[in-house]
Amino acid sequence: MRIQIDDLTGAEVLALLEEHLANMYELSPPESVHALDLAKLRSPDITFWTAWDGALLLGCGALRQLTPTHGEVKSMRTPKALRGRGAGRAMLQHIVGEALSRGYRRLSLETGSQPGFEPARTLYRSFGFTPCGPFGDYREDPNSFFMTLALRE
């Protein structure tokens, strides 16, 4: 598996992001969807990666800098048809490694509280993420589940 920085222009990547946004709107009310669209993913405070097996896109993920010591995991997605190959775990490991190399002390994320998000919450817990309150610009929302990982004290 190869993980690389992506410029968000490839047809496969655009289709995966479309799938991601559509699924978020299926699982959550519109006011509770915090997935980023293409324009927001191209923001200079976000690094976006894709995972590949040859020419096959296995997943994506992003890291957003909130402060010089706090990052946010964004846009973690594996195509529905390709789940179970370890791409999500590999991408999260890559993002955590990048956060450490940047000197972040904390890495946080927002995911859904609904049952459809349980596989994501399980993955995050397996890395040591624990529940927390809202961070950054987020507010309390019964459809959101916030998690954080202390990287350095």
Protein backbone atom coordinates (compact mmCIF):
# COMPACT_ATOMS: atom_id res chain seq x y z
CA MET A 1 0.00 0.00 0.00
CA ARG A 2 1.30 3.43 -0.99
CA ILE A 3 0.15 6.58 0.83
CA GLN A 4 0.82 9.86 -0.92
CA ILE A 5 -0.14 13.52 -0.77
CA ASP A 6 -2.94 14.09 -3.25
CA ASP A 7 -3.88 17.19 -5.26
CA LEU A 8 -7.61 16.34 -5.27
CA THR A 9 -7.95 16.28 -9.05
CA GLY A 10 -8.12 12.57 -9.96
CA ALA A 11 -11.48 11.12 -11.00
CA GLU A 12 -11.19 8.23 -8.49
CA VAL A 13 -10.48 10.63 -5.65
CA LEU A 14 -13.34 12.94 -6.60
CA ALA A 15 -15.71 9.94 -6.76
CA LEU A 16 -14.57 8.75 -3.32
CA LEU A 17 -15.15 12.20 -1.82
CA GLU A 18 -18.58 12.30 -3.46
CA GLU A 19 -19.37 8.91 -1.89
CA HIS A 20 -18.11 10.20 1.47
CA LEU A 21 -20.30 13.33 1.45
CA ALA A 22 -23.36 11.42 0.23
CA ASN A 23 -22.95 8.85 3.01
CA MET A 24 -22.53 11.56 5.65
CA TYR A 25 -25.83 13.13 4.54
CA GLU A 26 -27.49 9.68 4.62
CA LEU A 27 -26.39 9.08 8.22
CA SER A 28 -26.68 12.56 9.75
CA PRO A 29 -29.01 15.55 9.57
CA PRO A 30 -27.59 18.28 7.28
CA GLU A 31 -26.78 20.63 10.17
CA SER A 32 -24.64 17.88 11.74
CA VAL A 33 -22.54 17.01 8.67
CA HIS A 34 -19.01 18.33 9.20
CA ALA A 35 -17.37 16.60 6.24
CA LEU A 36 -15.43 19.03 4.08
CA ASP A 37 -16.21 19.65 0.44
CA LEU A 38 -13.52 19.83 -2.23
CA ALA A 39 -12.90 23.58 -1.87
CA LYS A 40 -12.42 23.32 1.89
CA LEU A 41 -10.12 20.31 1.54
CA ARG A 42 -7.85 22.46 -0.65
CA SER A 43 -7.34 24.94 2.20
CA PRO A 44 -3.67 25.61 3.04
CA ASP A 45 -4.15 24.36 6.63
CA ILE A 46 -5.09 20.87 5.35
CA THR A 47 -2.88 18.09 4.01
CA PHE A 48 -4.80 15.41 2.08
CA TRP A 49 -3.51 11.90 1.39
CA THR A 50 -4.71 8.92 -0.61
CA ALA A 51 -3.86 5.24 -0.17
CA TRP A 52 -3.28 3.08 -3.25
CA ASP A 53 -2.68 -0.53 -4.20
CA GLY A 54 -1.20 -0.02 -7.65
CA ALA A 55 -3.89 1.95 -9.54
CA LEU A 56 -6.63 0.99 -7.06
CA LEU A 57 -7.70 3.76 -4.65
CA LEU A 58 -8.10 2.21 -1.19
CA GLY A 59 -8.89 5.31 0.84
CA CYS A 60 -8.17 8.84 1.87
CA GLY A 61 -7.60 10.98 4.93
CA ALA A 62 -6.55 14.48 5.87
CA LEU A 63 -4.86 16.39 8.66
CA ARG A 64 -5.93 19.92 9.49
CA GLN A 65 -3.78 22.21 11.61
CA LEU A 66 -5.97 23.88 14.23
CA THR A 67 -3.08 25.47 16.15
CA PRO A 68 0.69 24.92 16.03
CA THR A 69 0.23 22.10 18.57
CA HIS A 70 -3.24 20.71 17.75
CA GLY A 71 -4.33 18.84 14.64
CA GLU A 72 -7.64 17.42 13.46
CA VAL A 73 -8.23 14.19 11.55
CA LYS A 74 -10.55 14.87 8.59
CA SER A 75 -12.05 13.01 5.63
CA MET A 76 -11.13 9.47 6.59
CA ARG A 77 -12.82 7.25 4.01
CA THR A 78 -12.45 3.82 2.47
CA PRO A 79 -14.63 2.95 -0.54
CA LYS A 80 -17.50 0.78 0.63
CA ALA A 81 -16.55 -1.97 -1.82
CA LEU A 82 -12.93 -2.10 -0.59
CA ARG A 83 -13.30 -2.14 3.19
CA GLY A 84 -11.45 -4.69 5.30
CA ARG A 85 -8.06 -4.33 3.58
CA GLY A 86 -6.47 -2.24 6.34
CA ALA A 87 -6.44 1.06 4.44
CA GLY A 88 -8.25 2.96 7.19
CA ARG A 89 -5.82 1.73 9.83
CA ALA A 90 -2.82 2.49 7.60
CA MET A 91 -4.12 5.99 6.83
CA LEU A 92 -4.78 6.78 10.49
CA GLN A 93 -1.31 5.51 11.41
CA HIS A 94 0.13 7.78 8.72
CA ILE A 95 -1.82 10.81 10.00
CA VAL A 96 -0.78 10.17 13.61
CA GLY A 97 2.85 9.86 12.47
CA GLU A 98 2.62 13.13 10.56
CA ALA A 99 1.07 14.87 13.57
CA LEU A 100 3.96 13.64 15.72
CA SER A 101 6.53 14.82 13.16
CA ARG A 102 4.90 18.27 13.15
CA GLY A 103 5.26 18.44 16.92
CA TYR A 104 1.54 18.42 17.67
CA ARG A 105 0.64 17.71 21.28
CA ARG A 106 -2.94 16.70 20.51
CA LEU A 107 -4.88 15.18 17.66
CA SER A 108 -8.68 15.42 17.70
CA LEU A 109 -11.58 14.40 15.49
CA GLU A 110 -15.34 14.58 15.11
CA THR A 111 -17.35 11.61 13.93
CA GLY A 112 -20.98 10.66 14.13
CA SER A 113 -22.72 9.33 17.23
CA GLN A 114 -25.10 7.13 15.23
CA PRO A 115 -24.66 3.33 14.94
CA GLY A 116 -23.36 3.64 11.36
CA PHE A 117 -20.25 5.35 12.72
CA GLU A 118 -19.37 2.60 15.23
CA PRO A 119 -16.67 1.04 12.98
CA ALA A 120 -14.94 4.44 12.80
CA ARG A 121 -15.18 4.98 16.56
CA THR A 122 -13.76 1.47 17.12
CA LEU A 123 -10.80 2.23 14.85
CA TYR A 124 -10.10 5.51 16.64
CA ARG A 125 -10.36 3.88 20.08
CA SER A 126 -7.86 1.21 18.97
CA PHE A 127 -5.31 4.02 18.46
CA GLY A 128 -5.96 5.43 21.93
CA PHE A 129 -8.41 8.20 21.03
CA THR A 130 -10.80 8.91 23.91
CA PRO A 131 -14.07 10.86 24.06
CA CYS A 132 -13.80 14.59 24.65
CA GLY A 133 -15.90 17.71 24.32
CA PRO A 134 -16.16 19.93 21.27
CA PHE A 135 -12.93 21.55 20.09
CA GLY A 136 -12.06 24.26 17.55
CA ASP A 137 -15.25 25.71 16.06
CA TYR A 138 -17.44 22.71 16.93
CA ARG A 139 -20.41 23.01 19.29
CA GLU A 140 -22.28 20.39 21.32
CA ASP A 141 -24.37 18.29 18.95
CA PRO A 142 -26.17 15.02 19.82
CA ASN A 143 -25.17 13.71 16.37
CA SER A 144 -21.46 14.35 16.92
CA PHE A 145 -18.95 12.24 18.83
CA PHE A 146 -15.69 14.04 19.63
CA MET A 147 -12.43 12.20 20.36
CA THR A 148 -8.87 13.21 21.14
CA LEU A 149 -5.42 11.67 21.45
CA ALA A 150 -2.65 13.19 23.56
CA LEU A 151 0.59 12.96 21.57
CA ARG A 152 2.91 14.91 23.88
CA GLU A 153 2.46 16.65 27.20
